[in-house]
Amino acid sequence: MMIQRLSLGVLDTNCWIVAAEGGPAIVIDPADDPSKVLVALGGTTVAAVVLTHGHFDHLAGAAGVLESTGAPLVVHEEDAPFITSSEGTGGTLFGFDHSAPSADRTVKQGDVIEAGDISLKVLHTPGHTPGCICLYTPGHLFSGDTLFAGSVGRTDFPRGDARALRESIASRIATLPDDTVVHPGHGPETTIGRERLVNPFFPRA
């Protein structure tokens, strides 16, 4: 599996491109500047564009990538109603007019997003938003703004829920193997094992 990271937009959001050798790709969080995403793809077919949640800084490039690739847009069913307006994405609060087209597919806990030989399992991890998801394949977790190196996503935005986020960490993420590499929505990569030791939001015995 090939994994490529692009840091996009004013908030340095991580956009992840995941593909098998010679196979179609999955684009996770096209945060901004679709031209950079398309250059990185290099003509690779895109099986899906996935939003880990519906905030403006994770989807500003979605429309351009979708138009150029013809890929379907995938988002959790609870965030889907909010992505089509800057008010819904939270952009208006920060002076940005960022929204996305309507979702072509909505997902929920346990659904699978496939691209050739790649299968990413949807882990519903509400807290940062009600429709936050992580995407898991053995050895790798694309965590969006649910989990960062040493921290987690903020919950003081509209629709955030600190208790729900802690429950998501405990039930969906802390149960993963320690050697799982975490590819977050912002900042550097980490591992579940490292976060188990240093992250204050992980459950303690």
N, C-alpha and C. Protein backbone atom coordinates (compact mmCIF):
# COMPACT_ATOMS: atom_id res chain seq x y z
N MET A 1 0.84 -1.19 0.00
CA MET A 1 0.00 0.00 0.00
C MET A 1 0.88 1.24 0.00
N MET A 2 0.58 2.17 -0.88
CA MET A 2 1.32 3.42 -0.97
C MET A 2 0.51 4.53 -0.29
N ILE A 3 1.19 5.31 0.55
CA ILE A 3 0.54 6.39 1.30
C ILE A 3 1.32 7.67 1.06
N GLN A 4 0.61 8.71 0.63
CA GLN A 4 1.23 10.00 0.37
C GLN A 4 0.51 11.07 1.15
N ARG A 5 1.27 11.96 1.78
CA ARG A 5 0.68 13.05 2.56
C ARG A 5 0.92 14.39 1.87
N LEU A 6 -0.12 15.20 1.81
CA LEU A 6 -0.01 16.58 1.36
C LEU A 6 -0.48 17.47 2.50
N SER A 7 0.26 18.53 2.80
CA SER A 7 -0.15 19.49 3.80
C SER A 7 -0.75 20.69 3.07
N LEU A 8 -2.05 20.92 3.29
CA LEU A 8 -2.79 21.87 2.48
C LEU A 8 -3.51 22.91 3.31
N GLY A 9 -3.64 24.12 2.76
CA GLY A 9 -4.46 25.15 3.36
C GLY A 9 -3.76 25.89 4.49
N VAL A 10 -4.44 26.91 4.98
CA VAL A 10 -3.85 27.78 5.99
C VAL A 10 -3.68 27.08 7.34
N LEU A 11 -4.41 25.99 7.55
CA LEU A 11 -4.29 25.25 8.81
C LEU A 11 -3.42 24.01 8.66
N ASP A 12 -2.70 23.91 7.54
CA ASP A 12 -1.80 22.76 7.32
C ASP A 12 -2.50 21.44 7.58
N THR A 13 -3.63 21.27 6.94
CA THR A 13 -4.38 20.03 7.07
C THR A 13 -3.74 18.93 6.23
N ASN A 14 -3.66 17.75 6.80
CA ASN A 14 -3.10 16.61 6.07
C ASN A 14 -4.16 15.99 5.16
N CYS A 15 -3.84 15.95 3.88
CA CYS A 15 -4.61 15.19 2.90
C CYS A 15 -3.82 13.92 2.61
N TRP A 16 -4.49 12.79 2.66
CA TRP A 16 -3.82 11.51 2.45
C TRP A 16 -4.30 10.86 1.16
N ILE A 17 -3.36 10.38 0.37
CA ILE A 17 -3.67 9.62 -0.84
C ILE A 17 -3.20 8.19 -0.60
N VAL A 18 -4.12 7.26 -0.72
CA VAL A 18 -3.84 5.86 -0.43
C VAL A 18 -4.13 5.05 -1.69
N ALA A 19 -3.19 4.21 -2.08
CA ALA A 19 -3.39 3.41 -3.29
C ALA A 19 -2.54 2.15 -3.23
N ALA A 20 -3.02 1.11 -3.86
CA ALA A 20 -2.20 -0.08 -4.09
C ALA A 20 -1.39 0.13 -5.36
N GLU A 21 -0.35 -0.64 -5.52
CA GLU A 21 0.51 -0.52 -6.69
C GLU A 21 -0.32 -0.65 -7.97
N GLY A 22 -0.35 0.42 -8.76
CA GLY A 22 -1.06 0.39 -10.03
C GLY A 22 -2.57 0.43 -9.93
N GLY A 23 -3.08 0.53 -8.68
CA GLY A 23 -4.53 0.46 -8.52
C GLY A 23 -5.17 1.81 -8.30
N PRO A 24 -6.47 1.86 -8.18
CA PRO A 24 -7.16 3.13 -7.91
C PRO A 24 -6.81 3.64 -6.52
N ALA A 25 -6.99 4.93 -6.34
CA ALA A 25 -6.63 5.59 -5.08
C ALA A 25 -7.88 6.00 -4.30
N ILE A 26 -7.67 6.22 -3.02
CA ILE A 26 -8.64 6.87 -2.15
C ILE A 26 -8.01 8.17 -1.68
N VAL A 27 -8.71 9.28 -1.85
CA VAL A 27 -8.23 10.58 -1.38
C VAL A 27 -8.99 10.91 -0.10
N ILE A 28 -8.24 11.13 0.97
CA ILE A 28 -8.83 11.42 2.27
C ILE A 28 -8.60 12.89 2.60
N ASP A 29 -9.66 13.63 2.80
CA ASP A 29 -9.62 15.03 3.21
C ASP A 29 -8.86 15.94 2.24
N PRO A 30 -9.42 16.19 1.05
CA PRO A 30 -8.82 17.15 0.12
C PRO A 30 -9.02 18.57 0.64
N ALA A 31 -8.10 19.01 1.49
CA ALA A 31 -8.32 20.17 2.33
C ALA A 31 -8.33 21.50 1.59
N ASP A 32 -7.58 21.56 0.48
CA ASP A 32 -7.46 22.82 -0.25
C ASP A 32 -6.68 22.54 -1.53
N ASP A 33 -6.59 23.53 -2.40
CA ASP A 33 -5.75 23.49 -3.59
C ASP A 33 -5.85 22.17 -4.35
N PRO A 34 -6.97 21.93 -5.04
CA PRO A 34 -7.14 20.67 -5.75
C PRO A 34 -6.06 20.40 -6.79
N SER A 35 -5.43 21.46 -7.31
CA SER A 35 -4.38 21.23 -8.30
C SER A 35 -3.22 20.44 -7.71
N LYS A 36 -2.89 20.69 -6.46
CA LYS A 36 -1.81 19.93 -5.81
C LYS A 36 -2.20 18.47 -5.63
N VAL A 37 -3.45 18.23 -5.30
CA VAL A 37 -3.92 16.85 -5.15
C VAL A 37 -3.86 16.13 -6.49
N LEU A 38 -4.28 16.80 -7.55
CA LEU A 38 -4.29 16.17 -8.87
C LEU A 38 -2.87 15.89 -9.36
N VAL A 39 -1.94 16.79 -9.09
CA VAL A 39 -0.55 16.54 -9.47
C VAL A 39 -0.01 15.33 -8.72
N ALA A 40 -0.32 15.25 -7.43
CA ALA A 40 0.15 14.11 -6.64
C ALA A 40 -0.45 12.80 -7.13
N LEU A 41 -1.67 12.84 -7.61
CA LEU A 41 -2.32 11.64 -8.13
C LEU A 41 -1.65 11.18 -9.43
N GLY A 42 -1.18 12.12 -10.21
CA GLY A 42 -0.48 11.77 -11.44
C GLY A 42 -1.30 10.96 -12.42
N GLY A 43 -2.59 11.21 -12.46
CA GLY A 43 -3.45 10.49 -13.40
C GLY A 43 -4.03 9.20 -12.86
N THR A 44 -3.69 8.84 -11.62
CA THR A 44 -4.26 7.64 -11.01
C THR A 44 -5.77 7.77 -10.87
N THR A 45 -6.50 6.75 -11.21
CA THR A 45 -7.95 6.73 -11.02
C THR A 45 -8.28 6.84 -9.54
N VAL A 46 -9.31 7.61 -9.23
CA VAL A 46 -9.73 7.78 -7.83
C VAL A 46 -11.04 7.04 -7.61
N ALA A 47 -11.00 6.08 -6.69
CA ALA A 47 -12.19 5.29 -6.39
C ALA A 47 -13.14 6.04 -5.47
N ALA A 48 -12.60 6.89 -4.60
CA ALA A 48 -13.45 7.63 -3.66
C ALA A 48 -12.68 8.79 -3.07
N VAL A 49 -13.40 9.85 -2.78
CA VAL A 49 -12.90 10.96 -1.98
C VAL A 49 -13.65 10.89 -0.66
N VAL A 50 -12.91 10.77 0.44
CA VAL A 50 -13.53 10.55 1.74
C VAL A 50 -13.23 11.72 2.66
N LEU A 51 -14.24 12.22 3.34
CA LEU A 51 -14.07 13.24 4.36
C LEU A 51 -14.14 12.57 5.73
N THR A 52 -13.11 12.81 6.55
CA THR A 52 -13.16 12.25 7.90
C THR A 52 -14.18 12.98 8.77
N HIS A 53 -14.52 14.19 8.38
CA HIS A 53 -15.61 14.94 9.03
C HIS A 53 -15.90 16.16 8.18
N GLY A 54 -16.89 16.94 8.59
CA GLY A 54 -17.40 17.98 7.72
C GLY A 54 -16.89 19.37 7.96
N HIS A 55 -15.73 19.54 8.56
CA HIS A 55 -15.21 20.88 8.80
C HIS A 55 -14.54 21.48 7.56
N PHE A 56 -14.62 22.79 7.46
CA PHE A 56 -14.17 23.51 6.27
C PHE A 56 -12.72 23.24 5.90
N ASP A 57 -11.87 23.05 6.89
CA ASP A 57 -10.45 22.90 6.60
C ASP A 57 -10.07 21.51 6.11
N HIS A 58 -11.05 20.64 5.96
CA HIS A 58 -10.80 19.29 5.44
C HIS A 58 -11.46 19.05 4.09
N LEU A 59 -12.16 20.05 3.56
CA LEU A 59 -12.94 19.79 2.35
C LEU A 59 -12.89 20.90 1.31
N ALA A 60 -12.07 21.92 1.54
CA ALA A 60 -12.09 23.07 0.62
C ALA A 60 -11.69 22.69 -0.81
N GLY A 61 -10.91 21.64 -0.99
CA GLY A 61 -10.52 21.22 -2.32
C GLY A 61 -11.38 20.13 -2.92
N ALA A 62 -12.42 19.74 -2.20
CA ALA A 62 -13.21 18.58 -2.63
C ALA A 62 -13.86 18.79 -3.99
N ALA A 63 -14.49 19.93 -4.20
CA ALA A 63 -15.23 20.15 -5.44
C ALA A 63 -14.31 20.00 -6.65
N GLY A 64 -13.13 20.60 -6.58
CA GLY A 64 -12.21 20.54 -7.71
C GLY A 64 -11.70 19.13 -7.98
N VAL A 65 -11.41 18.39 -6.92
CA VAL A 65 -10.94 17.01 -7.10
C VAL A 65 -12.06 16.14 -7.66
N LEU A 66 -13.25 16.33 -7.16
CA LEU A 66 -14.39 15.54 -7.65
C LEU A 66 -14.66 15.82 -9.12
N GLU A 67 -14.64 17.09 -9.48
CA GLU A 67 -14.92 17.47 -10.88
C GLU A 67 -13.89 16.87 -11.83
N SER A 68 -12.64 16.84 -11.41
CA SER A 68 -11.57 16.37 -12.29
C SER A 68 -11.46 14.85 -12.35
N THR A 69 -11.88 14.18 -11.31
CA THR A 69 -11.71 12.72 -11.25
C THR A 69 -12.99 11.93 -11.46
N GLY A 70 -14.14 12.58 -11.23
CA GLY A 70 -15.41 11.86 -11.33
C GLY A 70 -15.65 10.90 -10.19
N ALA A 71 -14.86 11.01 -9.13
CA ALA A 71 -15.00 10.10 -7.99
C ALA A 71 -16.21 10.46 -7.14
N PRO A 72 -16.76 9.50 -6.42
CA PRO A 72 -17.84 9.79 -5.48
C PRO A 72 -17.31 10.39 -4.19
N LEU A 73 -18.11 11.24 -3.56
CA LEU A 73 -17.76 11.85 -2.28
C LEU A 73 -18.42 11.04 -1.16
N VAL A 74 -17.62 10.66 -0.18
CA VAL A 74 -18.07 9.79 0.91
C VAL A 74 -17.91 10.52 2.24
N VAL A 75 -18.95 10.50 3.07
CA VAL A 75 -18.89 11.14 4.38
C VAL A 75 -19.86 10.42 5.31
N HIS A 76 -19.62 10.50 6.61
CA HIS A 76 -20.53 9.86 7.56
C HIS A 76 -21.91 10.50 7.48
N GLU A 77 -22.92 9.70 7.70
CA GLU A 77 -24.30 10.15 7.54
C GLU A 77 -24.66 11.32 8.47
N GLU A 78 -24.00 11.43 9.63
CA GLU A 78 -24.34 12.51 10.55
C GLU A 78 -23.72 13.86 10.17
N ASP A 79 -22.64 13.85 9.42
CA ASP A 79 -22.04 15.11 8.97
C ASP A 79 -22.49 15.50 7.57
N ALA A 80 -23.06 14.57 6.83
CA ALA A 80 -23.44 14.83 5.44
C ALA A 80 -24.34 16.06 5.27
N PRO A 81 -25.32 16.30 6.14
CA PRO A 81 -26.20 17.46 5.93
C PRO A 81 -25.50 18.81 6.06
N PHE A 82 -24.30 18.84 6.63
CA PHE A 82 -23.65 20.10 6.96
C PHE A 82 -22.57 20.53 5.98
N ILE A 83 -22.17 19.66 5.06
CA ILE A 83 -20.99 19.96 4.25
C ILE A 83 -21.26 20.90 3.08
N THR A 84 -22.51 21.16 2.76
CA THR A 84 -22.82 21.92 1.55
C THR A 84 -22.95 23.42 1.78
N SER A 85 -22.69 23.90 3.00
CA SER A 85 -22.74 25.34 3.25
C SER A 85 -21.57 25.73 4.15
N SER A 86 -21.10 26.96 4.00
CA SER A 86 -19.99 27.42 4.84
C SER A 86 -20.42 27.55 6.30
N GLU A 87 -21.70 27.78 6.53
CA GLU A 87 -22.19 27.79 7.90
C GLU A 87 -22.09 26.39 8.50
N GLY A 88 -22.48 25.40 7.73
CA GLY A 88 -22.45 24.03 8.23
C GLY A 88 -21.04 23.50 8.46
N THR A 89 -20.10 23.92 7.62
CA THR A 89 -18.73 23.43 7.76
C THR A 89 -17.94 24.18 8.82
N GLY A 90 -18.51 25.24 9.35
CA GLY A 90 -17.81 26.05 10.34
C GLY A 90 -16.94 27.12 9.73
N GLY A 91 -16.89 27.19 8.40
CA GLY A 91 -16.04 28.18 7.76
C GLY A 91 -16.43 29.61 8.08
N THR A 92 -17.71 29.87 8.16
CA THR A 92 -18.20 31.22 8.41
C THR A 92 -17.64 31.78 9.71
N LEU A 93 -17.48 30.93 10.72
CA LEU A 93 -16.96 31.37 12.01
C LEU A 93 -15.56 31.94 11.89
N PHE A 94 -14.82 31.49 10.88
CA PHE A 94 -13.42 31.89 10.75
C PHE A 94 -13.15 32.71 9.49
N GLY A 95 -14.23 33.14 8.84
CA GLY A 95 -14.08 34.01 7.68
C GLY A 95 -13.78 33.29 6.39
N PHE A 96 -14.11 31.99 6.31
CA PHE A 96 -13.87 31.22 5.09
C PHE A 96 -15.20 30.79 4.47
N ASP A 97 -15.25 30.83 3.16
CA ASP A 97 -16.43 30.39 2.42
C ASP A 97 -16.13 29.04 1.79
N HIS A 98 -16.02 28.00 2.62
CA HIS A 98 -15.64 26.67 2.16
C HIS A 98 -16.77 25.69 2.39
N SER A 99 -17.15 25.01 1.32
CA SER A 99 -18.17 23.97 1.41
C SER A 99 -17.83 22.91 0.37
N ALA A 100 -18.64 21.88 0.32
CA ALA A 100 -18.42 20.77 -0.60
C ALA A 100 -19.73 20.42 -1.28
N PRO A 101 -19.68 19.68 -2.39
CA PRO A 101 -20.91 19.16 -2.98
C PRO A 101 -21.59 18.17 -2.04
N SER A 102 -22.80 17.82 -2.35
CA SER A 102 -23.50 16.81 -1.56
C SER A 102 -22.79 15.47 -1.66
N ALA A 103 -22.87 14.71 -0.60
CA ALA A 103 -22.25 13.38 -0.58
C ALA A 103 -22.92 12.45 -1.57
N ASP A 104 -22.13 11.64 -2.25
CA ASP A 104 -22.66 10.59 -3.11
C ASP A 104 -22.94 9.31 -2.32
N ARG A 105 -22.21 9.15 -1.21
CA ARG A 105 -22.40 7.97 -0.37
C ARG A 105 -22.21 8.38 1.07
N THR A 106 -23.12 7.96 1.93
CA THR A 106 -22.94 8.15 3.36
C THR A 106 -22.59 6.81 4.00
N VAL A 107 -21.78 6.88 5.06
CA VAL A 107 -21.33 5.65 5.71
C VAL A 107 -21.61 5.72 7.20
N LYS A 108 -21.47 4.57 7.83
CA LYS A 108 -21.66 4.44 9.28
C LYS A 108 -20.63 3.45 9.81
N GLN A 109 -20.65 3.24 11.12
CA GLN A 109 -19.71 2.33 11.76
C GLN A 109 -19.69 0.96 11.08
N GLY A 110 -18.50 0.49 10.76
CA GLY A 110 -18.33 -0.84 10.20
C GLY A 110 -18.40 -0.94 8.70
N ASP A 111 -18.80 0.12 8.03
CA ASP A 111 -18.81 0.10 6.56
C ASP A 111 -17.37 0.02 6.04
N VAL A 112 -17.23 -0.40 4.80
CA VAL A 112 -15.91 -0.56 4.20
C VAL A 112 -15.86 0.26 2.91
N ILE A 113 -14.76 0.97 2.73
CA ILE A 113 -14.50 1.74 1.50
C ILE A 113 -13.37 1.04 0.77
N GLU A 114 -13.61 0.65 -0.46
CA GLU A 114 -12.66 -0.18 -1.20
C GLU A 114 -12.10 0.55 -2.41
N ALA A 115 -10.85 0.23 -2.73
CA ALA A 115 -10.20 0.71 -3.94
C ALA A 115 -9.22 -0.37 -4.38
N GLY A 116 -9.60 -1.17 -5.34
CA GLY A 116 -8.75 -2.27 -5.76
C GLY A 116 -8.52 -3.23 -4.60
N ASP A 117 -7.26 -3.45 -4.23
CA ASP A 117 -6.93 -4.37 -3.15
C ASP A 117 -6.97 -3.72 -1.77
N ILE A 118 -7.31 -2.44 -1.71
CA ILE A 118 -7.34 -1.73 -0.43
C ILE A 118 -8.76 -1.71 0.13
N SER A 119 -8.87 -2.01 1.41
CA SER A 119 -10.16 -1.92 2.11
C SER A 119 -9.95 -1.12 3.39
N LEU A 120 -10.66 -0.02 3.52
CA LEU A 120 -10.59 0.81 4.71
C LEU A 120 -11.91 0.69 5.47
N LYS A 121 -11.81 0.24 6.72
CA LYS A 121 -13.00 0.10 7.55
C LYS A 121 -13.32 1.40 8.25
N VAL A 122 -14.59 1.77 8.23
CA VAL A 122 -15.05 2.99 8.88
C VAL A 122 -15.22 2.75 10.37
N LEU A 123 -14.51 3.56 11.17
CA LEU A 123 -14.71 3.59 12.62
C LEU A 123 -15.38 4.91 12.96
N HIS A 124 -16.60 4.85 13.43
CA HIS A 124 -17.32 6.07 13.79
C HIS A 124 -16.79 6.56 15.13
N THR A 125 -16.21 7.76 15.14
CA THR A 125 -15.58 8.30 16.35
C THR A 125 -16.10 9.70 16.65
N PRO A 126 -17.36 9.81 17.04
CA PRO A 126 -17.93 11.13 17.31
C PRO A 126 -17.21 11.83 18.46
N GLY A 127 -17.29 13.16 18.43
CA GLY A 127 -16.69 13.98 19.47
C GLY A 127 -16.25 15.31 18.92
N HIS A 128 -15.31 15.30 17.99
CA HIS A 128 -14.91 16.54 17.31
C HIS A 128 -16.09 17.07 16.50
N THR A 129 -16.76 16.18 15.79
CA THR A 129 -18.11 16.41 15.23
C THR A 129 -18.89 15.12 15.45
N PRO A 130 -20.21 15.17 15.33
CA PRO A 130 -20.99 13.94 15.49
C PRO A 130 -20.68 12.88 14.43
N GLY A 131 -20.24 13.32 13.25
CA GLY A 131 -19.99 12.38 12.16
C GLY A 131 -18.53 12.12 11.88
N CYS A 132 -17.66 12.36 12.85
CA CYS A 132 -16.25 12.06 12.65
C CYS A 132 -16.04 10.57 12.43
N ILE A 133 -15.14 10.26 11.51
CA ILE A 133 -14.75 8.87 11.30
C ILE A 133 -13.23 8.77 11.24
N CYS A 134 -12.74 7.57 11.58
CA CYS A 134 -11.39 7.15 11.27
C CYS A 134 -11.49 6.02 10.27
N LEU A 135 -10.43 5.80 9.52
CA LEU A 135 -10.40 4.74 8.53
C LEU A 135 -9.27 3.80 8.88
N TYR A 136 -9.60 2.51 9.01
CA TYR A 136 -8.63 1.53 9.51
C TYR A 136 -8.41 0.40 8.53
N THR A 137 -7.15 0.09 8.33
CA THR A 137 -6.75 -1.14 7.68
C THR A 137 -5.60 -1.66 8.51
N PRO A 138 -5.44 -2.98 8.66
CA PRO A 138 -4.40 -3.48 9.56
C PRO A 138 -3.05 -2.81 9.35
N GLY A 139 -2.55 -2.21 10.42
CA GLY A 139 -1.28 -1.50 10.39
C GLY A 139 -1.39 -0.01 10.23
N HIS A 140 -2.57 0.50 9.86
CA HIS A 140 -2.70 1.92 9.57
C HIS A 140 -4.07 2.45 10.02
N LEU A 141 -4.06 3.65 10.60
CA LEU A 141 -5.29 4.35 10.98
C LEU A 141 -5.20 5.78 10.48
N PHE A 142 -6.16 6.16 9.66
CA PHE A 142 -6.29 7.55 9.20
C PHE A 142 -7.31 8.20 10.13
N SER A 143 -6.80 9.06 11.02
CA SER A 143 -7.59 9.44 12.19
C SER A 143 -8.28 10.79 12.09
N GLY A 144 -8.09 11.52 10.97
CA GLY A 144 -8.76 12.82 10.88
C GLY A 144 -8.42 13.68 12.08
N ASP A 145 -9.43 14.36 12.63
CA ASP A 145 -9.21 15.20 13.81
C ASP A 145 -9.67 14.51 15.09
N THR A 146 -9.84 13.19 15.03
CA THR A 146 -10.15 12.46 16.25
C THR A 146 -8.91 12.31 17.12
N LEU A 147 -7.78 11.97 16.50
CA LEU A 147 -6.56 11.70 17.25
C LEU A 147 -5.36 12.35 16.58
N PHE A 148 -4.57 13.08 17.36
CA PHE A 148 -3.30 13.65 16.92
C PHE A 148 -2.18 13.04 17.75
N ALA A 149 -0.95 13.31 17.36
CA ALA A 149 0.19 12.92 18.18
C ALA A 149 0.14 13.72 19.48
N GLY A 150 -0.13 13.03 20.57
CA GLY A 150 -0.16 13.65 21.88
C GLY A 150 -1.43 14.38 22.24
N SER A 151 -2.42 14.38 21.38
CA SER A 151 -3.62 15.16 21.66
C SER A 151 -4.81 14.61 20.85
N VAL A 152 -5.89 15.36 20.87
CA VAL A 152 -7.11 15.02 20.12
C VAL A 152 -7.69 16.31 19.53
N GLY A 153 -8.69 16.15 18.70
CA GLY A 153 -9.35 17.30 18.11
C GLY A 153 -10.14 18.11 19.14
N ARG A 154 -10.30 19.39 18.85
CA ARG A 154 -11.04 20.27 19.75
C ARG A 154 -12.51 19.87 19.80
N THR A 155 -13.12 20.16 20.94
CA THR A 155 -14.55 19.88 21.09
C THR A 155 -15.34 21.11 21.50
N ASP A 156 -14.70 22.29 21.39
CA ASP A 156 -15.39 23.53 21.77
C ASP A 156 -16.03 24.23 20.58
N PHE A 157 -16.02 23.56 19.42
CA PHE A 157 -16.74 24.09 18.27
C PHE A 157 -18.20 23.63 18.33
N PRO A 158 -19.10 24.27 17.56
CA PRO A 158 -20.48 23.78 17.52
C PRO A 158 -20.53 22.29 17.18
N ARG A 159 -21.37 21.56 17.88
CA ARG A 159 -21.61 20.12 17.71
C ARG A 159 -20.47 19.26 18.28
N GLY A 160 -19.49 19.87 18.92
CA GLY A 160 -18.45 19.10 19.57
C GLY A 160 -18.94 18.52 20.89
N ASP A 161 -18.32 17.42 21.33
CA ASP A 161 -18.75 16.73 22.54
C ASP A 161 -17.54 16.05 23.15
N ALA A 162 -16.99 16.63 24.22
CA ALA A 162 -15.77 16.11 24.83
C ALA A 162 -15.96 14.70 25.39
N ARG A 163 -17.10 14.45 26.01
CA ARG A 163 -17.33 13.11 26.56
C ARG A 163 -17.42 12.07 25.46
N ALA A 164 -18.10 12.41 24.37
CA ALA A 164 -18.20 11.47 23.25
C ALA A 164 -16.83 11.17 22.66
N LEU A 165 -15.96 12.19 22.59
CA LEU A 165 -14.63 11.97 22.03
C LEU A 165 -13.83 11.00 22.90
N ARG A 166 -13.87 11.18 24.21
CA ARG A 166 -13.17 10.25 25.09
C ARG A 166 -13.71 8.83 24.94
N GLU A 167 -15.01 8.71 24.80
CA GLU A 167 -15.60 7.38 24.62
C GLU A 167 -15.17 6.77 23.29
N SER A 168 -15.06 7.61 22.26
CA SER A 168 -14.61 7.13 20.95
C SER A 168 -13.17 6.62 21.03
N ILE A 169 -12.31 7.36 21.72
CA ILE A 169 -10.92 6.93 21.89
C ILE A 169 -10.87 5.59 22.60
N ALA A 170 -11.63 5.48 23.67
CA ALA A 170 -11.59 4.26 24.48
C ALA A 170 -12.14 3.05 23.74
N SER A 171 -13.24 3.23 23.02
CA SER A 171 -13.92 2.07 22.45
C SER A 171 -13.47 1.72 21.04
N ARG A 172 -13.01 2.71 20.26
CA ARG A 172 -12.69 2.45 18.86
C ARG A 172 -11.20 2.46 18.57
N ILE A 173 -10.43 3.25 19.33
CA ILE A 173 -9.03 3.48 18.97
C ILE A 173 -8.05 2.80 19.93
N ALA A 174 -8.30 2.91 21.22
CA ALA A 174 -7.37 2.33 22.20
C ALA A 174 -7.32 0.80 22.10
N THR A 175 -8.28 0.22 21.44
CA THR A 175 -8.31 -1.24 21.29
C THR A 175 -7.45 -1.73 20.12
N LEU A 176 -6.91 -0.82 19.31
CA LEU A 176 -6.12 -1.22 18.15
C LEU A 176 -4.72 -1.64 18.57
N PRO A 177 -4.03 -2.44 17.75
CA PRO A 177 -2.67 -2.88 18.09
C PRO A 177 -1.70 -1.71 18.23
N ASP A 178 -0.73 -1.87 19.11
CA ASP A 178 0.24 -0.81 19.39
C ASP A 178 1.04 -0.40 18.17
N ASP A 179 1.29 -1.34 17.25
CA ASP A 179 2.13 -1.01 16.09
C ASP A 179 1.36 -0.34 14.96
N THR A 180 0.09 -0.04 15.18
CA THR A 180 -0.71 0.67 14.18
C THR A 180 -0.16 2.08 13.98
N VAL A 181 0.17 2.44 12.75
CA VAL A 181 0.65 3.78 12.45
C VAL A 181 -0.56 4.70 12.29
N VAL A 182 -0.53 5.83 12.97
CA VAL A 182 -1.63 6.79 12.94
C VAL A 182 -1.26 7.92 11.99
N HIS A 183 -2.12 8.15 11.00
CA HIS A 183 -1.96 9.23 10.02
C HIS A 183 -3.05 10.27 10.32
N PRO A 184 -2.71 11.34 11.06
CA PRO A 184 -3.74 12.26 11.55
C PRO A 184 -4.11 13.37 10.57
N GLY A 185 -5.12 14.13 10.94
CA GLY A 185 -5.58 15.23 10.11
C GLY A 185 -4.69 16.46 10.18
N HIS A 186 -3.90 16.57 11.24
CA HIS A 186 -2.93 17.66 11.39
C HIS A 186 -1.72 17.10 12.12
N GLY A 187 -0.56 17.63 11.77
CA GLY A 187 0.64 17.27 12.52
C GLY A 187 1.27 15.95 12.09
N PRO A 188 2.29 15.51 12.86
CA PRO A 188 3.07 14.34 12.47
C PRO A 188 2.36 13.02 12.74
N GLU A 189 2.86 11.99 12.10
CA GLU A 189 2.36 10.64 12.34
C GLU A 189 2.83 10.15 13.71
N THR A 190 2.13 9.15 14.20
CA THR A 190 2.46 8.55 15.49
C THR A 190 2.05 7.08 15.43
N THR A 191 2.03 6.42 16.57
CA THR A 191 1.53 5.04 16.64
C THR A 191 0.57 4.92 17.81
N ILE A 192 -0.26 3.91 17.77
CA ILE A 192 -1.17 3.67 18.89
C ILE A 192 -0.38 3.39 20.16
N GLY A 193 0.72 2.64 20.05
CA GLY A 193 1.53 2.35 21.22
C GLY A 193 2.07 3.60 21.88
N ARG A 194 2.57 4.52 21.07
CA ARG A 194 3.07 5.77 21.63
C ARG A 194 1.96 6.55 22.30
N GLU A 195 0.82 6.64 21.64
CA GLU A 195 -0.29 7.41 22.22
C GLU A 195 -0.80 6.77 23.50
N ARG A 196 -0.73 5.46 23.58
CA ARG A 196 -1.17 4.79 24.81
C ARG A 196 -0.30 5.23 26.00
N LEU A 197 0.96 5.55 25.71
CA LEU A 197 1.88 5.95 26.77
C LEU A 197 1.79 7.43 27.10
N VAL A 198 1.61 8.29 26.08
CA VAL A 198 1.78 9.73 26.31
C VAL A 198 0.50 10.56 26.17
N ASN A 199 -0.52 10.02 25.52
CA ASN A 199 -1.70 10.83 25.23
C ASN A 199 -2.64 10.87 26.43
N PRO A 200 -2.90 12.04 27.00
CA PRO A 200 -3.75 12.11 28.20
C PRO A 200 -5.21 11.74 27.94
N PHE A 201 -5.59 11.65 26.69
CA PHE A 201 -6.98 11.32 26.38
C PHE A 201 -7.20 9.82 26.22
N PHE A 202 -6.14 9.03 26.27
CA PHE A 202 -6.29 7.59 26.24
C PHE A 202 -6.72 7.09 27.62
N PRO A 203 -7.53 6.02 27.67
CA PRO A 203 -7.97 5.51 28.98
C PRO A 203 -6.79 5.00 29.79
N ARG A 204 -6.87 5.21 31.08
CA ARG A 204 -5.85 4.70 32.02
C ARG A 204 -6.46 3.61 32.88
N ALA A 205 -5.66 2.59 33.15
CA ALA A 205 -6.14 1.47 33.97
C ALA A 205 -6.41 1.94 35.39
